Every structure is written in C-alpha cells, then in structure tokens.
PDB file of N, CA and C in Angstrom:
ATOM      1  N   UNK A   1     -37.299 -11.824  -7.428  1.00  0.00           N
ATOM      2  CA  UNK A   1     -36.168 -10.890  -7.400  1.00  0.00           C
ATOM      3  C   UNK A   1     -34.866 -11.657  -7.190  1.00  0.00           C
ATOM      4  N   UNK A   2     -33.794 -11.057  -7.667  1.00  0.00           N
ATOM      5  CA  UNK A   2     -32.462 -11.635  -7.525  1.00  0.00           C
ATOM      6  C   UNK A   2     -31.709 -10.902  -6.419  1.00  0.00           C
ATOM      7  N   UNK A   3     -30.708 -11.589  -5.879  1.00  0.00           N
ATOM      8  CA  UNK A   3     -29.775 -10.935  -4.969  1.00  0.00           C
ATOM      9  C   UNK A   3     -28.601 -10.416  -5.791  1.00  0.00           C
ATOM     10  N   UNK A   4     -27.905  -9.448  -5.237  1.00  0.00           N
ATOM     11  CA  UNK A   4     -26.767  -8.848  -5.931  1.00  0.00           C
ATOM     12  C   UNK A   4     -25.552  -8.899  -5.006  1.00  0.00           C
ATOM     13  N   UNK A   5     -24.495  -9.494  -5.514  1.00  0.00           N
ATOM     14  CA  UNK A   5     -23.217  -9.561  -4.783  1.00  0.00           C
ATOM     15  C   UNK A   5     -22.445  -8.277  -5.066  1.00  0.00           C
ATOM     16  N   UNK A   6     -21.960  -7.651  -4.003  1.00  0.00           N
ATOM     17  CA  UNK A   6     -21.190  -6.409  -4.098  1.00  0.00           C
ATOM     18  C   UNK A   6     -19.783  -6.701  -3.574  1.00  0.00           C
ATOM     19  N   UNK A   7     -18.797  -6.609  -4.444  1.00  0.00           N
ATOM     20  CA  UNK A   7     -17.412  -6.928  -4.078  1.00  0.00           C
ATOM     21  C   UNK A   7     -16.533  -5.696  -4.253  1.00  0.00           C
ATOM     22  N   UNK A   8     -15.723  -5.394  -3.241  1.00  0.00           N
ATOM     23  CA  UNK A   8     -14.759  -4.300  -3.351  1.00  0.00           C
ATOM     24  C   UNK A   8     -13.575  -4.804  -4.181  1.00  0.00           C
ATOM     25  N   UNK A   9     -13.383  -4.189  -5.333  1.00  0.00           N
ATOM     26  CA  UNK A   9     -12.312  -4.585  -6.246  1.00  0.00           C
ATOM     27  C   UNK A   9     -11.047  -3.757  -6.026  1.00  0.00           C
ATOM     28  N   UNK A  10     -11.222  -2.468  -5.826  1.00  0.00           N
ATOM     29  CA  UNK A  10     -10.055  -1.592  -5.662  1.00  0.00           C
ATOM     30  C   UNK A  10     -10.424  -0.383  -4.814  1.00  0.00           C
ATOM     31  N   UNK A  11      -9.473   0.059  -4.008  1.00  0.00           N
ATOM     32  CA  UNK A  11      -9.632   1.274  -3.211  1.00  0.00           C
ATOM     33  C   UNK A  11      -8.399   2.147  -3.444  1.00  0.00           C
ATOM     34  N   UNK A  12      -8.649   3.349  -3.889  1.00  0.00           N
ATOM     35  CA  UNK A  12      -7.551   4.297  -4.116  1.00  0.00           C
ATOM     36  C   UNK A  12      -7.454   5.252  -2.923  1.00  0.00           C
ATOM     37  N   UNK A  13      -6.326   5.905  -2.799  1.00  0.00           N
ATOM     38  CA  UNK A  13      -6.104   6.844  -1.693  1.00  0.00           C
ATOM     39  C   UNK A  13      -5.235   7.979  -2.234  1.00  0.00           C
ATOM     40  N   UNK A  14      -5.882   9.085  -2.553  1.00  0.00           N
ATOM     41  CA  UNK A  14      -5.183  10.216  -3.158  1.00  0.00           C
ATOM     42  C   UNK A  14      -4.744  11.207  -2.084  1.00  0.00           C
ATOM     43  N   UNK A  15      -3.623  10.904  -1.470  1.00  0.00           N
ATOM     44  CA  UNK A  15      -3.126  11.734  -0.366  1.00  0.00           C
ATOM     45  C   UNK A  15      -2.777  13.151  -0.809  1.00  0.00           C
ATOM     46  N   UNK A  16      -2.310  13.315  -2.046  1.00  0.00           N
ATOM     47  CA  UNK A  16      -1.989  14.655  -2.534  1.00  0.00           C
ATOM     48  C   UNK A  16      -3.250  15.515  -2.602  1.00  0.00           C
ATOM     49  N   UNK A  17      -4.349  14.950  -3.047  1.00  0.00           N
ATOM     50  CA  UNK A  17      -5.614  15.699  -3.088  1.00  0.00           C
ATOM     51  C   UNK A  17      -6.154  15.964  -1.687  1.00  0.00           C
ATOM     52  N   UNK A  18      -5.992  14.995  -0.807  1.00  0.00           N
ATOM     53  CA  UNK A  18      -6.422  15.178   0.576  1.00  0.00           C
ATOM     54  C   UNK A  18      -5.678  16.338   1.221  1.00  0.00           C
ATOM     55  N   UNK A  19      -4.359  16.358   1.031  1.00  0.00           N
ATOM     56  CA  UNK A  19      -3.538  17.408   1.638  1.00  0.00           C
ATOM     57  C   UNK A  19      -3.881  18.789   1.067  1.00  0.00           C
ATOM     58  N   UNK A  20      -4.210  18.823  -0.196  1.00  0.00           N
ATOM     59  CA  UNK A  20      -4.469  20.104  -0.842  1.00  0.00           C
ATOM     60  C   UNK A  20      -5.884  20.634  -0.614  1.00  0.00           C
ATOM     61  N   UNK A  21      -6.884  19.743  -0.535  1.00  0.00           N
ATOM     62  CA  UNK A  21      -8.273  20.206  -0.541  1.00  0.00           C
ATOM     63  C   UNK A  21      -9.132  19.783   0.644  1.00  0.00           C
ATOM     64  N   UNK A  22      -8.777  18.704   1.320  1.00  0.00           N
ATOM     65  CA  UNK A  22      -9.672  18.158   2.333  1.00  0.00           C
ATOM     66  C   UNK A  22      -9.365  18.724   3.715  1.00  0.00           C
ATOM     67  N   UNK A  23     -10.397  19.048   4.468  1.00  0.00           N
ATOM     68  CA  UNK A  23     -10.212  19.365   5.878  1.00  0.00           C
ATOM     69  C   UNK A  23      -9.866  18.075   6.601  1.00  0.00           C
ATOM     70  N   UNK A  24      -8.977  18.132   7.578  1.00  0.00           N
ATOM     71  CA  UNK A  24      -8.610  16.910   8.302  1.00  0.00           C
ATOM     72  C   UNK A  24      -9.850  16.269   8.929  1.00  0.00           C
ATOM     73  N   UNK A  25      -9.945  14.942   8.789  1.00  0.00           N
ATOM     74  CA  UNK A  25     -11.028  14.211   9.411  1.00  0.00           C
ATOM     75  C   UNK A  25     -10.450  13.106  10.283  1.00  0.00           C
ATOM     76  N   UNK A  26     -11.149  12.804  11.349  1.00  0.00           N
ATOM     77  CA  UNK A  26     -10.654  11.815  12.300  1.00  0.00           C
ATOM     78  C   UNK A  26     -10.832  10.391  11.785  1.00  0.00           C
ATOM     79  N   UNK A  27     -11.892  10.171  11.035  1.00  0.00           N
ATOM     80  CA  UNK A  27     -12.165   8.804  10.588  1.00  0.00           C
ATOM     81  C   UNK A  27     -12.669   8.826   9.148  1.00  0.00           C
ATOM     82  N   UNK A  28     -12.042   8.028   8.323  1.00  0.00           N
ATOM     83  CA  UNK A  28     -12.471   7.946   6.917  1.00  0.00           C
ATOM     84  C   UNK A  28     -13.081   6.563   6.661  1.00  0.00           C
ATOM     85  N   UNK A  29     -13.014   6.121   5.483  1.00  0.00           N
ATOM     86  CA  UNK A  29     -13.634   4.885   5.021  1.00  0.00           C
ATOM     87  C   UNK A  29     -12.960   3.629   5.589  1.00  0.00           C
ATOM     88  N   UNK A  30     -13.774   2.699   6.068  1.00  0.00           N
ATOM     89  CA  UNK A  30     -13.271   1.418   6.593  1.00  0.00           C
ATOM     90  C   UNK A  30     -13.305   0.294   5.566  1.00  0.00           C
ATOM     91  N   UNK A  31     -13.765   0.585   4.383  1.00  0.00           N
ATOM     92  CA  UNK A  31     -13.885  -0.446   3.359  1.00  0.00           C
ATOM     93  C   UNK A  31     -12.488  -0.872   2.886  1.00  0.00           C
ATOM     94  N   UNK A  32     -12.337  -2.192   2.679  1.00  0.00           N
ATOM     95  CA  UNK A  32     -11.065  -2.745   2.217  1.00  0.00           C
ATOM     96  C   UNK A  32     -11.306  -3.637   1.003  1.00  0.00           C
ATOM     97  N   UNK A  33     -10.300  -3.730   0.155  1.00  0.00           N
ATOM     98  CA  UNK A  33     -10.394  -4.592  -1.020  1.00  0.00           C
ATOM     99  C   UNK A  33     -10.719  -6.014  -0.586  1.00  0.00           C
ATOM    100  N   UNK A  34     -11.616  -6.645  -1.343  1.00  0.00           N
ATOM    101  CA  UNK A  34     -12.007  -8.019  -1.058  1.00  0.00           C
ATOM    102  C   UNK A  34     -13.269  -8.155  -0.217  1.00  0.00           C
ATOM    103  N   UNK A  35     -13.714  -7.078   0.403  1.00  0.00           N
ATOM    104  CA  UNK A  35     -14.939  -7.157   1.199  1.00  0.00           C
ATOM    105  C   UNK A  35     -16.120  -7.457   0.280  1.00  0.00           C
ATOM    106  N   UNK A  36     -17.088  -8.214   0.811  1.00  0.00           N
ATOM    107  CA  UNK A  36     -18.264  -8.624   0.036  1.00  0.00           C
ATOM    108  C   UNK A  36     -19.527  -8.418   0.864  1.00  0.00           C
ATOM    109  N   UNK A  37     -20.553  -7.928   0.188  1.00  0.00           N
ATOM    110  CA  UNK A  37     -21.895  -7.833   0.765  1.00  0.00           C
ATOM    111  C   UNK A  37     -22.862  -8.474  -0.213  1.00  0.00           C
ATOM    112  N   UNK A  38     -24.016  -8.872   0.290  1.00  0.00           N
ATOM    113  CA  UNK A  38     -25.101  -9.347  -0.554  1.00  0.00           C
ATOM    114  C   UNK A  38     -26.285  -8.410  -0.343  1.00  0.00           C
ATOM    115  N   UNK A  39     -26.731  -7.798  -1.437  1.00  0.00           N
ATOM    116  CA  UNK A  39     -27.930  -6.958  -1.399  1.00  0.00           C
ATOM    117  C   UNK A  39     -29.122  -7.870  -1.686  1.00  0.00           C
ATOM    118  N   UNK A  40     -29.950  -8.068  -0.686  1.00  0.00           N
ATOM    119  CA  UNK A  40     -31.120  -8.940  -0.818  1.00  0.00           C
ATOM    120  C   UNK A  40     -32.344  -8.102  -1.148  1.00  0.00           C
ATOM    121  N   UNK A  41     -33.068  -8.532  -2.189  1.00  0.00           N
ATOM    122  CA  UNK A  41     -34.290  -7.843  -2.603  1.00  0.00           C
ATOM    123  C   UNK A  41     -34.020  -6.381  -2.975  1.00  0.00           C
ATOM    124  N   UNK A  42     -32.808  -6.084  -3.435  1.00  0.00           N
ATOM    125  CA  UNK A  42     -32.475  -4.726  -3.857  1.00  0.00           C
ATOM    126  C   UNK A  42     -32.248  -3.745  -2.721  1.00  0.00           C
ATOM    127  N   UNK A  43     -32.078  -4.263  -1.498  1.00  0.00           N
ATOM    128  CA  UNK A  43     -31.931  -3.396  -0.332  1.00  0.00           C
ATOM    129  C   UNK A  43     -30.460  -3.216   0.056  1.00  0.00           C
ATOM    130  N   UNK A  44     -30.170  -2.091   0.694  1.00  0.00           N
ATOM    131  CA  UNK A  44     -28.806  -1.784   1.137  1.00  0.00           C
ATOM    132  C   UNK A  44     -28.368  -2.791   2.190  1.00  0.00           C
ATOM    133  N   UNK A  45     -27.233  -3.448   1.967  1.00  0.00           N
ATOM    134  CA  UNK A  45     -26.725  -4.387   2.969  1.00  0.00           C
ATOM    135  C   UNK A  45     -26.219  -3.649   4.213  1.00  0.00           C
ATOM    136  N   UNK A  46     -26.384  -4.276   5.346  1.00  0.00           N
ATOM    137  CA  UNK A  46     -25.871  -3.711   6.590  1.00  0.00           C
ATOM    138  C   UNK A  46     -24.352  -3.613   6.516  1.00  0.00           C
ATOM    139  N   UNK A  47     -23.812  -2.490   6.949  1.00  0.00           N
ATOM    140  CA  UNK A  47     -22.368  -2.288   6.968  1.00  0.00           C
ATOM    141  C   UNK A  47     -21.802  -1.601   5.738  1.00  0.00           C
ATOM    142  N   UNK A  48     -22.611  -1.452   4.697  1.00  0.00           N
ATOM    143  CA  UNK A  48     -22.159  -0.747   3.498  1.00  0.00           C
ATOM    144  C   UNK A  48     -22.467   0.735   3.689  1.00  0.00           C
ATOM    145  N   UNK A  49     -21.482   1.583   3.515  1.00  0.00           N
ATOM    146  CA  UNK A  49     -21.668   3.008   3.807  1.00  0.00           C
ATOM    147  C   UNK A  49     -22.725   3.634   2.907  1.00  0.00           C
ATOM    148  N   UNK A  50     -23.415   4.619   3.449  1.00  0.00           N
ATOM    149  CA  UNK A  50     -24.508   5.281   2.747  1.00  0.00           C
ATOM    150  C   UNK A  50     -24.044   5.949   1.457  1.00  0.00           C
ATOM    151  N   UNK A  51     -22.882   6.553   1.471  1.00  0.00           N
ATOM    152  CA  UNK A  51     -22.385   7.248   0.288  1.00  0.00           C
ATOM    153  C   UNK A  51     -22.130   6.265  -0.854  1.00  0.00           C
ATOM    154  N   UNK A  52     -21.506   5.131  -0.549  1.00  0.00           N
ATOM    155  CA  UNK A  52     -21.274   4.112  -1.575  1.00  0.00           C
ATOM    156  C   UNK A  52     -22.609   3.580  -2.092  1.00  0.00           C
ATOM    157  N   UNK A  53     -23.548   3.334  -1.185  1.00  0.00           N
ATOM    158  CA  UNK A  53     -24.858   2.825  -1.581  1.00  0.00           C
ATOM    159  C   UNK A  53     -25.557   3.791  -2.536  1.00  0.00           C
ATOM    160  N   UNK A  54     -25.506   5.066  -2.262  1.00  0.00           N
ATOM    161  CA  UNK A  54     -26.164   6.036  -3.139  1.00  0.00           C
ATOM    162  C   UNK A  54     -25.560   6.030  -4.541  1.00  0.00           C
ATOM    163  N   UNK A  55     -24.279   5.711  -4.642  1.00  0.00           N
ATOM    164  CA  UNK A  55     -23.629   5.642  -5.950  1.00  0.00           C
ATOM    165  C   UNK A  55     -24.066   4.421  -6.758  1.00  0.00           C
ATOM    166  N   UNK A  56     -24.429   3.349  -6.077  1.00  0.00           N
ATOM    167  CA  UNK A  56     -24.725   2.088  -6.774  1.00  0.00           C
ATOM    168  C   UNK A  56     -26.180   1.666  -6.706  1.00  0.00           C
ATOM    169  N   UNK A  57     -26.989   2.323  -5.913  1.00  0.00           N
ATOM    170  CA  UNK A  57     -28.348   1.863  -5.622  1.00  0.00           C
ATOM    171  C   UNK A  57     -29.153   1.548  -6.889  1.00  0.00           C
ATOM    172  N   UNK A  58     -29.173   2.453  -7.854  1.00  0.00           N
ATOM    173  CA  UNK A  58     -29.977   2.228  -9.050  1.00  0.00           C
ATOM    174  C   UNK A  58     -29.557   0.942  -9.759  1.00  0.00           C
ATOM    175  N   UNK A  59     -28.252   0.713  -9.885  1.00  0.00           N
ATOM    176  CA  UNK A  59     -27.756  -0.484 -10.552  1.00  0.00           C
ATOM    177  C   UNK A  59     -28.141  -1.746  -9.783  1.00  0.00           C
ATOM    178  N   UNK A  60     -28.010  -1.706  -8.460  1.00  0.00           N
ATOM    179  CA  UNK A  60     -28.401  -2.858  -7.635  1.00  0.00           C
ATOM    180  C   UNK A  60     -29.885  -3.136  -7.796  1.00  0.00           C
ATOM    181  N   UNK A  61     -30.703  -2.107  -7.737  1.00  0.00           N
ATOM    182  CA  UNK A  61     -32.148  -2.286  -7.879  1.00  0.00           C
ATOM    183  C   UNK A  61     -32.488  -2.882  -9.241  1.00  0.00           C
ATOM    184  N   UNK A  62     -31.857  -2.399 -10.296  1.00  0.00           N
ATOM    185  CA  UNK A  62     -32.123  -2.925 -11.637  1.00  0.00           C
ATOM    186  C   UNK A  62     -31.668  -4.376 -11.768  1.00  0.00           C
ATOM    187  N   UNK A  63     -30.475  -4.700 -11.271  1.00  0.00           N
ATOM    188  CA  UNK A  63     -29.996  -6.081 -11.325  1.00  0.00           C
ATOM    189  C   UNK A  63     -30.907  -7.001 -10.522  1.00  0.00           C
ATOM    190  N   UNK A  64     -31.395  -6.529  -9.387  1.00  0.00           N
ATOM    191  CA  UNK A  64     -32.265  -7.366  -8.553  1.00  0.00           C
ATOM    192  C   UNK A  64     -33.598  -7.654  -9.246  1.00  0.00           C
ATOM    193  N   UNK A  65     -34.015  -6.778 -10.149  1.00  0.00           N
ATOM    194  CA  UNK A  65     -35.252  -6.978 -10.918  1.00  0.00           C
ATOM    195  C   UNK A  65     -35.028  -7.880 -12.134  1.00  0.00           C
ATOM    196  N   UNK A  66     -33.789  -8.267 -12.383  1.00  0.00           N
ATOM    197  CA  UNK A  66     -33.487  -9.103 -13.539  1.00  0.00           C
ATOM    198  C   UNK A  66     -33.020  -8.321 -14.750  1.00  0.00           C
ATOM    199  N   UNK A  67     -32.927  -7.022 -14.611  1.00  0.00           N
ATOM    200  CA  UNK A  67     -32.459  -6.177 -15.713  1.00  0.00           C
ATOM    201  C   UNK A  67     -30.935  -6.181 -15.772  1.00  0.00           C
ATOM    202  N   UNK A  68     -30.394  -5.683 -16.854  1.00  0.00           N
ATOM    203  CA  UNK A  68     -28.945  -5.619 -17.030  1.00  0.00           C
ATOM    204  C   UNK A  68     -28.619  -5.002 -18.364  1.00  0.00           C
ATOM    205  N   UNK A  69     -27.476  -5.409 -18.900  1.00  0.00           N
ATOM    206  CA  UNK A  69     -26.983  -4.891 -20.180  1.00  0.00           C
ATOM    207  C   UNK A  69     -26.974  -3.366 -20.200  1.00  0.00           C
ATOM    208  N   UNK A  70     -26.431  -2.795 -19.149  1.00  0.00           N
ATOM    209  CA  UNK A  70     -26.364  -1.341 -19.022  1.00  0.00           C
ATOM    210  C   UNK A  70     -25.505  -0.757 -20.134  1.00  0.00           C
ATOM    211  N   UNK A  71     -25.914   0.380 -20.631  1.00  0.00           N
ATOM    212  CA  UNK A  71     -25.177   1.114 -21.657  1.00  0.00           C
ATOM    213  C   UNK A  71     -24.851   0.251 -22.879  1.00  0.00           C
ATOM    214  N   UNK A  72     -25.787  -0.645 -23.202  1.00  0.00           N
ATOM    215  CA  UNK A  72     -25.718  -1.420 -24.440  1.00  0.00           C
ATOM    216  C   UNK A  72     -24.416  -2.205 -24.599  1.00  0.00           C
ATOM    217  N   UNK A  73     -24.113  -3.038 -23.611  1.00  0.00           N
ATOM    218  CA  UNK A  73     -22.965  -3.927 -23.730  1.00  0.00           C
ATOM    219  C   UNK A  73     -21.703  -3.463 -23.044  1.00  0.00           C
ATOM    220  N   UNK A  74     -21.826  -2.587 -22.077  1.00  0.00           N
ATOM    221  CA  UNK A  74     -20.680  -2.024 -21.358  1.00  0.00           C
ATOM    222  C   UNK A  74     -19.854  -3.089 -20.658  1.00  0.00           C
ATOM    223  N   UNK A  75     -20.514  -4.052 -19.992  1.00  0.00           N
ATOM    224  CA  UNK A  75     -19.812  -5.077 -19.214  1.00  0.00           C
ATOM    225  C   UNK A  75     -19.811  -6.398 -19.980  1.00  0.00           C
ATOM    226  N   UNK A  76     -18.742  -7.196 -19.816  1.00  0.00           N
ATOM    227  CA  UNK A  76     -18.682  -8.524 -20.425  1.00  0.00           C
ATOM    228  C   UNK A  76     -19.836  -9.386 -19.928  1.00  0.00           C
ATOM    229  N   UNK A  77     -20.101  -9.337 -18.625  1.00  0.00           N
ATOM    230  CA  UNK A  77     -21.250 -10.020 -18.042  1.00  0.00           C
ATOM    231  C   UNK A  77     -22.395  -9.009 -18.033  1.00  0.00           C
ATOM    232  N   UNK A  78     -23.439  -9.214 -18.823  1.00  0.00           N
ATOM    233  CA  UNK A  78     -24.511  -8.215 -18.903  1.00  0.00           C
ATOM    234  C   UNK A  78     -25.284  -8.032 -17.601  1.00  0.00           C
ATOM    235  N   UNK A  79     -25.126  -8.954 -16.663  1.00  0.00           N
ATOM    236  CA  UNK A  79     -25.810  -8.838 -15.373  1.00  0.00           C
ATOM    237  C   UNK A  79     -24.829  -8.432 -14.280  1.00  0.00           C
ATOM    238  N   UNK A  80     -24.006  -7.444 -14.621  1.00  0.00           N
ATOM    239  CA  UNK A  80     -23.022  -6.908 -13.678  1.00  0.00           C
ATOM    240  C   UNK A  80     -22.791  -5.432 -13.988  1.00  0.00           C
ATOM    241  N   UNK A  81     -22.103  -4.764 -13.069  1.00  0.00           N
ATOM    242  CA  UNK A  81     -21.711  -3.361 -13.269  1.00  0.00           C
ATOM    243  C   UNK A  81     -20.503  -3.068 -12.394  1.00  0.00           C
ATOM    244  N   UNK A  82     -19.631  -2.201 -12.858  1.00  0.00           N
ATOM    245  CA  UNK A  82     -18.496  -1.719 -12.066  1.00  0.00           C
ATOM    246  C   UNK A  82     -18.809  -0.280 -11.691  1.00  0.00           C
ATOM    247  N   UNK A  83     -18.994  -0.028 -10.408  1.00  0.00           N
ATOM    248  CA  UNK A  83     -19.431   1.268  -9.909  1.00  0.00           C
ATOM    249  C   UNK A  83     -18.452   1.770  -8.854  1.00  0.00           C
ATOM    250  N   UNK A  84     -18.181   3.057  -8.855  1.00  0.00           N
ATOM    251  CA  UNK A  84     -17.305   3.652  -7.845  1.00  0.00           C
ATOM    252  C   UNK A  84     -18.105   4.565  -6.939  1.00  0.00           C
ATOM    253  N   UNK A  85     -17.690   4.627  -5.685  1.00  0.00           N
ATOM    254  CA  UNK A  85     -18.332   5.568  -4.767  1.00  0.00           C
ATOM    255  C   UNK A  85     -17.920   6.987  -5.156  1.00  0.00           C
ATOM    256  N   UNK A  86     -18.572   7.962  -4.595  1.00  0.00           N
ATOM    257  CA  UNK A  86     -18.338   9.346  -5.014  1.00  0.00           C
ATOM    258  C   UNK A  86     -17.316  10.091  -4.161  1.00  0.00           C
ATOM    259  N   UNK A  87     -16.500   9.395  -3.398  1.00  0.00           N
ATOM    260  CA  UNK A  87     -15.446  10.032  -2.610  1.00  0.00           C
ATOM    261  C   UNK A  87     -14.245  10.285  -3.524  1.00  0.00           C
ATOM    262  N   UNK A  88     -14.017  11.528  -3.871  1.00  0.00           N
ATOM    263  CA  UNK A  88     -12.925  11.871  -4.768  1.00  0.00           C
ATOM    264  C   UNK A  88     -11.545  11.723  -4.155  1.00  0.00           C
ATOM    265  N   UNK A  89     -11.478  11.607  -2.828  1.00  0.00           N
ATOM    266  CA  UNK A  89     -10.196  11.442  -2.141  1.00  0.00           C
ATOM    267  C   UNK A  89      -9.838   9.969  -1.930  1.00  0.00           C
ATOM    268  N   UNK A  90     -10.844   9.113  -1.757  1.00  0.00           N
ATOM    269  CA  UNK A  90     -10.656   7.688  -1.502  1.00  0.00           C
ATOM    270  C   UNK A  90     -11.673   6.871  -2.307  1.00  0.00           C
ATOM    271  N   UNK A  91     -11.667   6.952  -3.628  1.00  0.00           N
ATOM    272  CA  UNK A  91     -12.684   6.231  -4.397  1.00  0.00           C
ATOM    273  C   UNK A  91     -12.522   4.717  -4.276  1.00  0.00           C
ATOM    274  N   UNK A  92     -13.653   4.055  -4.184  1.00  0.00           N
ATOM    275  CA  UNK A  92     -13.691   2.600  -4.086  1.00  0.00           C
ATOM    276  C   UNK A  92     -14.458   2.075  -5.296  1.00  0.00           C
ATOM    277  N   UNK A  93     -13.889   1.078  -5.970  1.00  0.00           N
ATOM    278  CA  UNK A  93     -14.554   0.441  -7.115  1.00  0.00           C
ATOM    279  C   UNK A  93     -15.218  -0.846  -6.649  1.00  0.00           C
ATOM    280  N   UNK A  94     -16.511  -0.958  -6.961  1.00  0.00           N
ATOM    281  CA  UNK A  94     -17.312  -2.110  -6.564  1.00  0.00           C
ATOM    282  C   UNK A  94     -17.771  -2.862  -7.807  1.00  0.00           C
ATOM    283  N   UNK A  95     -17.653  -4.185  -7.774  1.00  0.00           N
ATOM    284  CA  UNK A  95     -18.232  -5.027  -8.811  1.00  0.00           C
ATOM    285  C   UNK A  95     -19.577  -5.507  -8.297  1.00  0.00           C
ATOM    286  N   UNK A  96     -20.637  -5.215  -9.047  1.00  0.00           N
ATOM    287  CA  UNK A  96     -21.988  -5.659  -8.723  1.00  0.00           C
ATOM    288  C   UNK A  96     -22.328  -6.804  -9.653  1.00  0.00           C
ATOM    289  N   UNK A  97     -22.811  -7.923  -9.090  1.00  0.00           N
ATOM    290  CA  UNK A  97     -23.148  -9.078  -9.905  1.00  0.00           C
ATOM    291  C   UNK A  97     -24.473  -9.675  -9.448  1.00  0.00           C
ATOM    292  N   UNK A  98     -25.373  -9.879 -10.384  1.00  0.00           N
ATOM    293  CA  UNK A  98     -26.613 -10.575 -10.070  1.00  0.00           C
ATOM    294  C   UNK A  98     -26.258 -12.038  -9.778  1.00  0.00           C
ATOM    295  N   UNK A  99     -26.824 -12.579  -8.711  1.00  0.00           N
ATOM    296  CA  UNK A  99     -26.523 -13.971  -8.352  1.00  0.00           C
ATOM    297  C   UNK A  99     -27.827 -14.749  -8.206  1.00  0.00           C
ATOM    298  N   UNK A 100     -27.723 -16.029  -8.438  1.00  0.00           N
ATOM    299  CA  UNK A 100     -28.826 -16.968  -8.239  1.00  0.00           C
ATOM    300  C   UNK A 100     -28.676 -17.522  -6.830  1.00  0.00           C
ATOM    301  N   UNK A 101     -29.528 -17.099  -5.935  1.00  0.00           N
ATOM    302  CA  UNK A 101     -29.390 -17.560  -4.539  1.00  0.00           C
ATOM    303  C   UNK A 101     -30.728 -17.663  -3.900  1.00  0.00           C
TER     304      UNK A 101
END
C-alpha cells in the first residue's frame, strides 16, 4: 500500500452565507492553508476533521491501493485528486497525492 499526502491548498470563508443561513457557532474549522497530513495505509490521519475525511476517504483509499486516473484524466498527476470538504460556509480544498514512502 501507498501513503497519501493531504495538503490544504485553499480555505474559503463565506461570511455572507454564514450571516444569512448559519446559526452562530462558538468554534468552527481550525484547518489552515499549508497544513499537511499523511494518510498511512489509507487510514484517517490524526487531527484531520471527520467531515473533511468523509469527503476524501474514497479517493485516499483508492490512491493508497495504487489506483488513480480518476474521471479519465481529470488531474495532471494521475495519482492525485483535488477534493473539497462539504462545509458550504468554509470549504477547504485539499490536494491528495500518492507518495512513495
């Protein structure tokens, strides 16, 4: 099995949508651009939020098995994927890359 590097590429913050639709919350996402995790053996890395993991889990599992080329050539690197978490108020874009480690 391969390990998969998970890098935070971009984090958006839609304050207009939050003000219009979201109930106030005391604590939101702690993820910041540039953060990196390594998914070993296709498993969720410690410290990566459950919601983000659920958005990317299938891709991480497939990359860890050596699979890739999702959607017939979607990514320049066939052993990578760009996945966003499902938070519509603070979406985070993650680059997943199979690594030799």
